[in-house]
């Protein structure tokens, strides 16, 4: 009985929170954040436009362009561009990335960690 309940909980959790992972190169796509709140980009030369507010985006690939709103943006890749309307947390670990954002979403201030080299993180006007 306990196993059946555990499996049911896992199934419901999996259905409620889908993810998008792109491991290919040279792609353009639009992501509906209500259906797919977590985005992981592992390929190169990918452009993603987020409709709504996603929970998390991870830009692990290189030469990525990400547009929209996200609660948490992680950028371990290199030579990426993020144009964010709203974001609460930005973590830039890679190098030569450009991140611009307009405002925080739920917090009073966007928290920024920029430990990579030659990155530009700025508030857009």
C-alpha atoms as a PDB file:
ATOM      1  CA  UNK A   1       0.000   0.000   0.000  1.00  0.00           C
ATOM      2  CA  UNK A   2       2.779   2.465   0.902  1.00  0.00           C
ATOM      3  CA  UNK A   3       4.549   1.766  -2.388  1.00  0.00           C
ATOM      4  CA  UNK A   4       1.371   2.512  -4.356  1.00  0.00           C
ATOM      5  CA  UNK A   5       0.956   5.854  -2.573  1.00  0.00           C
ATOM      6  CA  UNK A   6       4.627   6.744  -3.166  1.00  0.00           C
ATOM      7  CA  UNK A   7       4.376   5.886  -6.864  1.00  0.00           C
ATOM      8  CA  UNK A   8       1.167   7.927  -7.152  1.00  0.00           C
ATOM      9  CA  UNK A   9       2.835  10.942  -5.571  1.00  0.00           C
ATOM     10  CA  UNK A  10       5.805  10.666  -7.959  1.00  0.00           C
ATOM     11  CA  UNK A  11       3.466  10.410 -10.946  1.00  0.00           C
ATOM     12  CA  UNK A  12       1.456  13.490  -9.934  1.00  0.00           C
ATOM     13  CA  UNK A  13       4.628  15.489  -9.234  1.00  0.00           C
ATOM     14  CA  UNK A  14       6.035  14.544 -12.634  1.00  0.00           C
ATOM     15  CA  UNK A  15       2.872  15.575 -14.455  1.00  0.00           C
ATOM     16  CA  UNK A  16       2.564  18.890 -12.620  1.00  0.00           C
ATOM     17  CA  UNK A  17       6.087  20.076 -13.451  1.00  0.00           C
ATOM     18  CA  UNK A  18       7.458  19.358 -16.909  1.00  0.00           C
ATOM     19  CA  UNK A  19      10.857  20.361 -18.186  1.00  0.00           C
ATOM     20  CA  UNK A  20      12.422  21.320 -21.502  1.00  0.00           C
ATOM     21  CA  UNK A  21      15.965  20.129 -22.223  1.00  0.00           C
ATOM     22  CA  UNK A  22      17.647  21.020 -25.495  1.00  0.00           C
ATOM     23  CA  UNK A  23      20.856  19.171 -26.291  1.00  0.00           C
ATOM     24  CA  UNK A  24      20.876  20.083 -29.980  1.00  0.00           C
ATOM     25  CA  UNK A  25      22.461  22.965 -31.892  1.00  0.00           C
ATOM     26  CA  UNK A  26      21.041  25.769 -34.041  1.00  0.00           C
ATOM     27  CA  UNK A  27      17.468  25.744 -32.654  1.00  0.00           C
ATOM     28  CA  UNK A  28      14.813  28.385 -32.052  1.00  0.00           C
ATOM     29  CA  UNK A  29      11.813  27.753 -29.855  1.00  0.00           C
ATOM     30  CA  UNK A  30       9.088  29.299 -27.740  1.00  0.00           C
ATOM     31  CA  UNK A  31       8.477  27.749 -24.310  1.00  0.00           C
ATOM     32  CA  UNK A  32       5.148  27.989 -22.479  1.00  0.00           C
ATOM     33  CA  UNK A  33       6.324  28.398 -18.884  1.00  0.00           C
ATOM     34  CA  UNK A  34       2.938  27.327 -17.487  1.00  0.00           C
ATOM     35  CA  UNK A  35       3.471  23.878 -19.044  1.00  0.00           C
ATOM     36  CA  UNK A  36       7.273  23.671 -18.932  1.00  0.00           C
ATOM     37  CA  UNK A  37       8.640  25.762 -16.024  1.00  0.00           C
ATOM     38  CA  UNK A  38      12.244  24.489 -16.095  1.00  0.00           C
ATOM     39  CA  UNK A  39      14.505  24.938 -19.109  1.00  0.00           C
ATOM     40  CA  UNK A  40      17.952  23.412 -19.569  1.00  0.00           C
ATOM     41  CA  UNK A  41      19.989  24.393 -22.625  1.00  0.00           C
ATOM     42  CA  UNK A  42      22.964  22.143 -23.284  1.00  0.00           C
ATOM     43  CA  UNK A  43      23.486  22.753 -26.997  1.00  0.00           C
ATOM     44  CA  UNK A  44      24.952  25.701 -28.854  1.00  0.00           C
ATOM     45  CA  UNK A  45      23.425  28.534 -30.902  1.00  0.00           C
ATOM     46  CA  UNK A  46      19.924  28.183 -29.393  1.00  0.00           C
ATOM     47  CA  UNK A  47      17.338  30.962 -29.086  1.00  0.00           C
ATOM     48  CA  UNK A  48      14.534  30.514 -26.542  1.00  0.00           C
ATOM     49  CA  UNK A  49      11.650  32.891 -25.914  1.00  0.00           C
ATOM     50  CA  UNK A  50       9.760  32.241 -22.665  1.00  0.00           C
ATOM     51  CA  UNK A  51       6.018  32.939 -22.578  1.00  0.00           C
ATOM     52  CA  UNK A  52       4.950  33.655 -19.020  1.00  0.00           C
ATOM     53  CA  UNK A  53       7.405  33.292 -16.140  1.00  0.00           C
ATOM     54  CA  UNK A  54       9.522  30.147 -15.961  1.00  0.00           C
ATOM     55  CA  UNK A  55      10.859  28.828 -12.654  1.00  0.00           C
ATOM     56  CA  UNK A  56      14.430  28.147 -13.761  1.00  0.00           C
ATOM     57  CA  UNK A  57      16.605  28.396 -16.836  1.00  0.00           C
ATOM     58  CA  UNK A  58      20.084  26.922 -17.056  1.00  0.00           C
ATOM     59  CA  UNK A  59      22.254  28.150 -19.938  1.00  0.00           C
ATOM     60  CA  UNK A  60      24.966  25.499 -19.970  1.00  0.00           C
ATOM     61  CA  UNK A  61      25.601  25.687 -23.716  1.00  0.00           C
ATOM     62  CA  UNK A  62      27.357  28.423 -25.643  1.00  0.00           C
ATOM     63  CA  UNK A  63      26.103  31.245 -27.873  1.00  0.00           C
ATOM     64  CA  UNK A  64      22.562  31.026 -26.451  1.00  0.00           C
ATOM     65  CA  UNK A  65      19.936  33.760 -26.508  1.00  0.00           C
ATOM     66  CA  UNK A  66      17.208  33.677 -23.851  1.00  0.00           C
ATOM     67  CA  UNK A  67      14.331  36.159 -23.784  1.00  0.00           C
ATOM     68  CA  UNK A  68      11.533  36.547 -21.197  1.00  0.00           C
ATOM     69  CA  UNK A  69      10.991  36.202 -17.449  1.00  0.00           C
ATOM     70  CA  UNK A  70      12.363  33.578 -15.067  1.00  0.00           C
ATOM     71  CA  UNK A  71      12.638  33.269 -11.309  1.00  0.00           C
ATOM     72  CA  UNK A  72      16.191  31.846 -11.361  1.00  0.00           C
ATOM     73  CA  UNK A  73      18.732  32.121 -14.182  1.00  0.00           C
ATOM     74  CA  UNK A  74      21.927  30.042 -14.051  1.00  0.00           C
ATOM     75  CA  UNK A  75      24.577  30.729 -16.686  1.00  0.00           C
ATOM     76  CA  UNK A  76      27.503  28.276 -16.521  1.00  0.00           C
ATOM     77  CA  UNK A  77      28.034  28.466 -20.305  1.00  0.00           C
ATOM     78  CA  UNK A  78      29.961  31.014 -22.366  1.00  0.00           C
ATOM     79  CA  UNK A  79      29.098  33.773 -24.856  1.00  0.00           C
ATOM     80  CA  UNK A  80      25.384  33.770 -23.941  1.00  0.00           C
ATOM     81  CA  UNK A  81      22.879  36.628 -24.028  1.00  0.00           C
ATOM     82  CA  UNK A  82      19.926  36.821 -21.635  1.00  0.00           C
ATOM     83  CA  UNK A  83      17.340  39.583 -22.099  1.00  0.00           C
ATOM     84  CA  UNK A  84      15.136  39.216 -19.039  1.00  0.00           C
ATOM     85  CA  UNK A  85      12.024  41.239 -18.317  1.00  0.00           C
ATOM     86  CA  UNK A  86      11.870  39.925 -14.763  1.00  0.00           C
ATOM     87  CA  UNK A  87      14.208  37.784 -12.640  1.00  0.00           C
ATOM     88  CA  UNK A  88      14.840  37.248  -8.925  1.00  0.00           C
ATOM     89  CA  UNK A  89      18.197  35.429  -8.962  1.00  0.00           C
ATOM     90  CA  UNK A  90      21.012  35.482 -11.531  1.00  0.00           C
ATOM     91  CA  UNK A  91      24.115  33.300 -11.233  1.00  0.00           C
ATOM     92  CA  UNK A  92      26.757  33.782 -13.932  1.00  0.00           C
ATOM     93  CA  UNK A  93      29.563  31.240 -13.692  1.00  0.00           C
ATOM     94  CA  UNK A  94      30.693  31.099 -17.321  1.00  0.00           C
ATOM     95  CA  UNK A  95      32.610  33.694 -19.283  1.00  0.00           C
ATOM     96  CA  UNK A  96      31.807  36.401 -21.856  1.00  0.00           C
ATOM     97  CA  UNK A  97      28.066  36.444 -21.067  1.00  0.00           C
ATOM     98  CA  UNK A  98      25.702  39.411 -21.288  1.00  0.00           C
ATOM     99  CA  UNK A  99      22.674  39.520 -18.994  1.00  0.00           C
ATOM    100  CA  UNK A 100      20.237  42.425 -18.907  1.00  0.00           C
ATOM    101  CA  UNK A 101      17.118  42.539 -16.768  1.00  0.00           C
ATOM    102  CA  UNK A 102      14.360  45.052 -16.123  1.00  0.00           C
ATOM    103  CA  UNK A 103      13.057  44.216 -12.643  1.00  0.00           C
ATOM    104  CA  UNK A 104      12.809  41.620  -9.893  1.00  0.00           C
ATOM    105  CA  UNK A 105       9.730  39.403  -9.892  1.00  0.00           C
ATOM    106  CA  UNK A 106       8.828  38.603  -6.277  1.00  0.00           C
ATOM    107  CA  UNK A 107      11.802  39.969  -4.347  1.00  0.00           C
ATOM    108  CA  UNK A 108      12.575  43.607  -3.657  1.00  0.00           C
ATOM    109  CA  UNK A 109      15.924  43.317  -5.416  1.00  0.00           C
ATOM    110  CA  UNK A 110      17.404  40.916  -7.969  1.00  0.00           C
ATOM    111  CA  UNK A 111      20.246  38.908  -6.417  1.00  0.00           C
ATOM    112  CA  UNK A 112      23.254  38.698  -8.748  1.00  0.00           C
ATOM    113  CA  UNK A 113      26.301  36.428  -8.499  1.00  0.00           C
ATOM    114  CA  UNK A 114      28.882  36.990 -11.234  1.00  0.00           C
ATOM    115  CA  UNK A 115      32.009  34.872 -10.727  1.00  0.00           C
ATOM    116  CA  UNK A 116      32.942  34.309 -14.383  1.00  0.00           C
ATOM    117  CA  UNK A 117      35.251  36.498 -16.431  1.00  0.00           C
ATOM    118  CA  UNK A 118      34.316  39.280 -18.867  1.00  0.00           C
ATOM    119  CA  UNK A 119      30.582  39.117 -18.106  1.00  0.00           C
ATOM    120  CA  UNK A 120      28.209  42.073 -18.267  1.00  0.00           C
ATOM    121  CA  UNK A 121      25.190  42.039 -15.958  1.00  0.00           C
ATOM    122  CA  UNK A 122      23.062  45.192 -16.057  1.00  0.00           C
ATOM    123  CA  UNK A 123      19.635  46.643 -15.429  1.00  0.00           C
ATOM    124  CA  UNK A 124      17.916  47.431 -18.745  1.00  0.00           C
ATOM    125  CA  UNK A 125      16.219  50.774 -19.220  1.00  0.00           C
END
